[in-house]
Amino acid sequence: MYLTKISIRKPLMMVMVVVALLLFGIVAYTRLPIDLMPEMDLPYVTVQAIYPGAGPEEMETSVVKPIEDQMTTISGLKNMTSYCFESVAFILLEFNIDIDADLAAIDVKDKIDAILFDLPDDLQKPVIGKFDPSAEPIVDLALSGPIAPEKLRQIGEKDIKDRLVKISGVGTINIVGGREREIHVNLHREKLEAHGLSIFNVFPVIAAQSANFPAGHITGMFKEQTVRVQGEFESVDDIRNLQIPAMAGGRDPV
């Protein structure tokens, strides 16, 4: 009632008060810090496991299931979600809000280290990290078609990725799934023995010849260029024509 009387008797003063409040609100709003991706220490831990050549079902039974069974013994674990793909699996562990994410990541690492010998031999060591929303991909692109998985991955790596990295603002591009191309070299034991060779003479030569390595720098008047020796195999014929030093002198093709 008192405020109403003042408003009627002194309307100009009330208008000035309202205008002042609006001005204060506008100034406070303009100075309010806004972050599109604010830093948050969420109690989430991620596990990435790579098992080359394994299908989703094999990833689940041979890799994900043993890890999940081991994770259930960690205190503070609230929820666990797994995703299995070709050759790779992801496990997202959610902990109670009062759990420190750094300590939780250490616990997860210790638990996985305890069962490493029970996991497949070809499994790469699982990568443990904290979940960071700002590190999530902005765009996910899936490739599918009636062609071999190796061809799909090759298209993603050599065609699509090479074009995307040229776009301004693109940071990191990760390719998951598909199958990496492999070449299996079958050796004839009888022919090797006839030349005084064994498989231990062949493997080092193949490994040494299939490599790219730096060869120094060329410094000009206005710029410096890096020189690299391209020795990586590009076709099956490159391996087929590889010369292996024979024990009795000379060189024999693979």
Protein backbone atom coordinates (compact mmCIF):
# COMPACT_ATOMS: atom_id res chain seq x y z
CA MET A 1 0.00 0.00 0.00
CA TYR A 2 2.85 2.39 0.88
CA LEU A 3 4.61 1.70 -2.45
CA THR A 4 1.35 2.32 -4.31
CA LYS A 5 0.92 5.73 -2.67
CA ILE A 6 4.48 6.76 -3.57
CA SER A 7 3.94 5.63 -7.17
CA ILE A 8 0.83 7.81 -7.43
CA ARG A 9 2.34 10.85 -5.72
CA LYS A 10 5.77 10.66 -7.42
CA PRO A 11 5.37 8.85 -10.75
CA LEU A 12 8.54 10.36 -12.22
CA MET A 13 10.67 8.90 -9.43
CA MET A 14 9.21 5.42 -9.99
CA VAL A 15 9.90 5.65 -13.71
CA MET A 16 13.52 6.54 -12.99
CA VAL A 17 13.83 3.58 -10.59
CA VAL A 18 12.47 1.17 -13.21
CA VAL A 19 14.79 2.60 -15.89
CA ALA A 20 17.77 2.27 -13.53
CA LEU A 21 16.92 -1.38 -12.84
CA LEU A 22 16.68 -2.07 -16.57
CA LEU A 23 20.06 -0.44 -17.19
CA PHE A 24 21.68 -2.45 -14.40
CA GLY A 25 20.18 -5.63 -15.86
CA ILE A 26 21.47 -4.89 -19.36
CA VAL A 27 24.99 -4.11 -18.09
CA ALA A 28 25.05 -7.29 -15.98
CA TYR A 29 23.87 -9.38 -18.93
CA THR A 30 26.57 -8.06 -21.26
CA ARG A 31 29.26 -8.85 -18.68
CA LEU A 32 27.94 -12.33 -17.92
CA PRO A 33 30.58 -14.91 -19.07
CA ILE A 34 29.25 -17.31 -21.68
CA ASP A 35 31.12 -20.38 -22.92
CA LEU A 36 29.81 -22.51 -25.74
CA MET A 37 31.68 -25.56 -24.40
CA PRO A 38 32.32 -24.95 -20.68
CA GLU A 39 34.85 -27.12 -18.87
CA MET A 40 33.12 -29.77 -16.80
CA ASP A 41 34.75 -32.47 -14.71
CA LEU A 42 32.15 -35.15 -15.28
CA PRO A 43 32.55 -38.53 -13.54
CA TYR A 44 32.84 -40.47 -16.79
CA VAL A 45 35.70 -42.71 -17.94
CA THR A 46 36.08 -44.17 -21.43
CA VAL A 47 37.87 -47.34 -22.53
CA GLN A 48 38.84 -47.90 -26.16
CA ALA A 49 39.95 -51.38 -27.23
CA ILE A 50 41.29 -52.17 -30.72
CA TYR A 51 41.45 -55.80 -31.89
CA PRO A 52 42.39 -55.84 -35.61
CA GLY A 53 40.32 -58.19 -37.73
CA ALA A 54 37.75 -59.03 -35.05
CA GLY A 55 34.03 -58.71 -35.78
CA PRO A 56 31.53 -57.04 -33.42
CA GLU A 57 30.45 -60.35 -31.86
CA GLU A 58 34.04 -61.43 -31.24
CA MET A 59 34.81 -58.01 -29.76
CA GLU A 60 31.92 -58.44 -27.35
CA THR A 61 32.74 -61.97 -26.18
CA SER A 62 36.56 -61.82 -26.18
CA VAL A 63 37.20 -58.23 -25.11
CA VAL A 64 34.20 -56.31 -23.81
CA LYS A 65 32.70 -59.03 -21.60
CA PRO A 66 35.92 -59.72 -19.60
CA ILE A 67 36.50 -55.99 -19.13
CA GLU A 68 32.91 -55.40 -18.02
CA ASP A 69 33.12 -58.25 -15.50
CA GLN A 70 36.27 -56.67 -14.07
CA MET A 71 34.73 -53.18 -13.90
CA THR A 72 31.83 -54.32 -11.70
CA THR A 73 34.22 -54.55 -8.75
CA ILE A 74 35.02 -50.81 -8.83
CA SER A 75 33.27 -48.85 -6.09
CA GLY A 76 31.14 -45.88 -7.12
CA LEU A 77 30.31 -47.26 -10.57
CA LYS A 78 26.80 -46.14 -11.52
CA ASN A 79 26.31 -47.28 -15.10
CA MET A 80 28.26 -48.97 -17.89
CA THR A 81 27.56 -48.82 -21.65
CA SER A 82 29.46 -50.66 -24.39
CA TYR A 83 29.61 -50.22 -28.15
CA CYS A 84 31.14 -52.91 -30.39
CA PHE A 85 32.19 -52.35 -33.98
CA GLU A 86 34.50 -53.99 -36.50
CA SER A 87 37.96 -54.23 -34.85
CA VAL A 88 37.14 -51.70 -32.12
CA ALA A 89 35.00 -51.36 -29.00
CA PHE A 90 34.17 -48.48 -26.67
CA ILE A 91 33.11 -48.73 -23.05
CA LEU A 92 31.63 -45.71 -21.25
CA LEU A 93 31.72 -45.89 -17.45
CA GLU A 94 29.53 -43.51 -15.45
CA PHE A 95 30.40 -43.01 -11.77
CA ASN A 96 28.55 -41.34 -8.93
CA ILE A 97 28.73 -37.55 -8.98
CA ASP A 98 30.92 -37.47 -5.86
CA ILE A 99 33.63 -39.66 -7.47
CA ASP A 100 36.76 -37.93 -8.77
CA ALA A 101 37.17 -38.71 -12.48
CA ASP A 102 40.98 -38.82 -12.27
CA LEU A 103 40.95 -41.39 -9.47
CA ALA A 104 38.27 -43.39 -11.28
CA ALA A 105 40.44 -43.51 -14.42
CA ILE A 106 43.33 -44.86 -12.35
CA ASP A 107 41.09 -47.57 -10.87
CA VAL A 108 39.90 -48.56 -14.33
CA LYS A 109 43.47 -48.79 -15.62
CA ASP A 110 44.53 -50.97 -12.69
CA LYS A 111 41.60 -53.33 -13.23
CA ILE A 112 42.35 -53.72 -16.94
CA ASP A 113 46.07 -54.25 -16.33
CA ALA A 114 45.15 -57.13 -14.02
CA ILE A 115 43.44 -59.07 -16.86
CA LEU A 116 45.64 -58.15 -19.83
CA PHE A 117 47.04 -61.68 -20.03
CA ASP A 118 43.50 -63.07 -20.26
CA LEU A 119 42.64 -60.93 -23.29
CA PRO A 120 43.50 -61.86 -26.93
CA ASP A 121 47.19 -61.63 -27.84
CA ASP A 122 46.54 -59.39 -30.87
CA LEU A 123 44.53 -56.91 -28.82
CA GLN A 124 46.20 -53.51 -28.60
CA LYS A 125 46.54 -52.18 -25.08
CA PRO A 126 43.23 -50.50 -24.15
CA VAL A 127 43.28 -46.71 -23.96
CA ILE A 128 41.69 -45.19 -20.85
CA GLY A 129 40.63 -41.56 -20.71
CA LYS A 130 38.21 -39.13 -19.11
CA PHE A 131 35.06 -38.23 -20.99
CA ASP A 132 35.35 -34.70 -22.37
CA PRO A 133 32.20 -33.29 -24.03
CA SER A 134 34.26 -30.68 -25.88
CA ALA A 135 36.28 -33.47 -27.53
CA GLU A 136 33.23 -35.16 -28.99
CA PRO A 137 33.06 -35.15 -32.80
CA ILE A 138 30.89 -32.48 -34.36
CA VAL A 139 30.07 -34.59 -37.43
CA ASP A 140 29.88 -38.39 -37.76
CA LEU A 141 30.07 -39.79 -41.28
CA ALA A 142 29.24 -43.43 -42.01
CA LEU A 143 30.21 -45.29 -45.18
CA SER A 144 28.34 -48.34 -46.46
CA GLY A 145 27.97 -50.15 -49.73
CA PRO A 146 28.16 -53.51 -51.50
CA ILE A 147 31.96 -53.59 -51.46
CA ALA A 148 34.60 -55.18 -49.25
CA PRO A 149 35.31 -53.59 -45.82
CA GLU A 150 38.94 -53.03 -46.86
CA LYS A 151 37.79 -50.99 -49.87
CA LEU A 152 35.44 -48.91 -47.71
CA ARG A 153 38.24 -48.06 -45.30
CA GLN A 154 40.56 -47.24 -48.20
CA ILE A 155 37.96 -44.82 -49.61
CA GLY A 156 37.60 -43.19 -46.20
CA GLU A 157 41.36 -42.85 -45.67
CA LYS A 158 42.57 -41.84 -49.13
CA ASP A 159 39.58 -40.09 -50.71
CA ILE A 160 37.26 -38.59 -48.12
CA LYS A 161 39.75 -37.84 -45.34
CA ASP A 162 42.19 -36.12 -47.71
CA ARG A 163 39.42 -33.77 -48.80
CA LEU A 164 38.04 -33.07 -45.34
CA VAL A 165 41.41 -32.08 -43.85
CA LYS A 166 41.64 -29.28 -46.40
CA ILE A 167 38.48 -27.62 -45.05
CA SER A 168 39.21 -24.57 -42.91
CA GLY A 169 38.48 -25.17 -39.23
CA VAL A 170 38.69 -28.97 -39.34
CA GLY A 171 40.78 -30.27 -36.46
CA THR A 172 41.11 -34.03 -36.05
CA ILE A 173 39.62 -36.77 -38.22
CA ASN A 174 39.44 -40.29 -36.81
CA ILE A 175 38.49 -43.34 -38.87
CA VAL A 176 36.95 -46.30 -37.04
CA GLY A 177 35.83 -49.63 -38.45
CA GLY A 178 36.35 -51.33 -41.75
CA ARG A 179 39.39 -53.49 -42.32
CA GLU A 180 42.90 -52.41 -43.06
CA ARG A 181 44.39 -54.02 -46.14
CA GLU A 182 46.82 -56.83 -45.39
CA ILE A 183 49.13 -58.80 -47.65
CA HIS A 184 50.03 -62.33 -46.55
CA VAL A 185 53.38 -63.62 -47.80
CA ASN A 186 53.49 -67.42 -48.13
CA LEU A 187 56.99 -68.86 -48.34
CA HIS A 188 58.11 -72.16 -49.91
CA ARG A 189 60.19 -73.95 -47.30
CA GLU A 190 61.83 -76.27 -49.86
CA LYS A 191 62.98 -73.39 -52.07
CA LEU A 192 64.29 -71.50 -49.06
CA GLU A 193 66.31 -74.49 -47.88
CA ALA A 194 67.67 -75.03 -51.40
CA HIS A 195 69.18 -71.54 -51.27
CA GLY A 196 70.35 -71.88 -47.69
CA LEU A 197 67.67 -69.49 -46.37
CA SER A 198 65.02 -69.56 -43.69
CA ILE A 199 62.02 -67.43 -42.83
CA PHE A 200 64.24 -65.45 -40.46
CA ASN A 201 66.25 -64.26 -43.48
CA VAL A 202 63.13 -63.08 -45.31
CA PHE A 203 61.16 -61.20 -42.64
CA PRO A 204 63.86 -58.62 -41.78
CA VAL A 205 64.32 -57.76 -45.46
CA ILE A 206 60.58 -57.24 -45.99
CA ALA A 207 60.31 -55.09 -42.86
CA ALA A 208 63.35 -53.00 -43.78
CA GLN A 209 62.27 -52.42 -47.39
CA SER A 210 58.69 -51.39 -46.56
CA ALA A 211 59.36 -48.12 -44.76
CA ASN A 212 59.27 -44.38 -45.33
CA PHE A 213 61.93 -42.40 -43.51
CA PRO A 214 63.34 -38.84 -43.53
CA ALA A 215 66.49 -38.20 -45.55
CA GLY A 216 67.34 -34.68 -44.40
CA HIS A 217 66.52 -31.14 -45.47
CA ILE A 218 67.18 -29.00 -48.52
CA THR A 219 67.68 -25.36 -47.60
CA GLY A 220 67.07 -22.78 -50.30
CA MET A 221 67.27 -19.03 -50.33
CA PHE A 222 63.74 -18.48 -49.09
CA LYS A 223 62.49 -21.83 -47.76
CA GLU A 224 63.49 -25.22 -46.40
CA GLN A 225 62.08 -28.50 -47.64
CA THR A 226 62.09 -31.90 -45.97
CA VAL A 227 63.27 -34.85 -48.04
CA ARG A 228 61.71 -38.26 -47.42
CA VAL A 229 62.56 -41.62 -48.96
CA GLN A 230 59.38 -43.39 -50.04
CA GLY A 231 60.04 -47.11 -49.66
CA GLU A 232 56.67 -48.43 -48.52
CA PHE A 233 55.19 -51.21 -50.65
CA GLU A 234 52.32 -50.08 -52.86
CA SER A 235 51.39 -53.35 -54.57
CA VAL A 236 51.82 -57.11 -54.34
CA ASP A 237 54.32 -56.98 -57.21
CA ASP A 238 56.64 -54.82 -55.09
CA ILE A 239 56.90 -57.68 -52.60
CA ARG A 240 57.06 -60.36 -55.29
CA ASN A 241 60.06 -58.65 -56.93
CA LEU A 242 61.90 -58.09 -53.66
CA GLN A 243 65.41 -59.55 -53.74
CA ILE A 244 66.61 -61.63 -50.78
CA PRO A 245 70.40 -62.00 -50.26
CA ALA A 246 71.35 -65.67 -50.61
CA MET A 247 73.79 -67.38 -48.26
CA ALA A 248 76.02 -68.50 -51.15
CA GLY A 249 76.09 -65.09 -52.76
CA GLY A 250 73.73 -63.48 -55.22
CA ARG A 251 70.11 -62.48 -54.66
CA ASP A 252 66.89 -64.45 -55.00
CA PRO A 253 63.38 -63.01 -55.48
CA VAL A 254 60.67 -63.64 -52.92
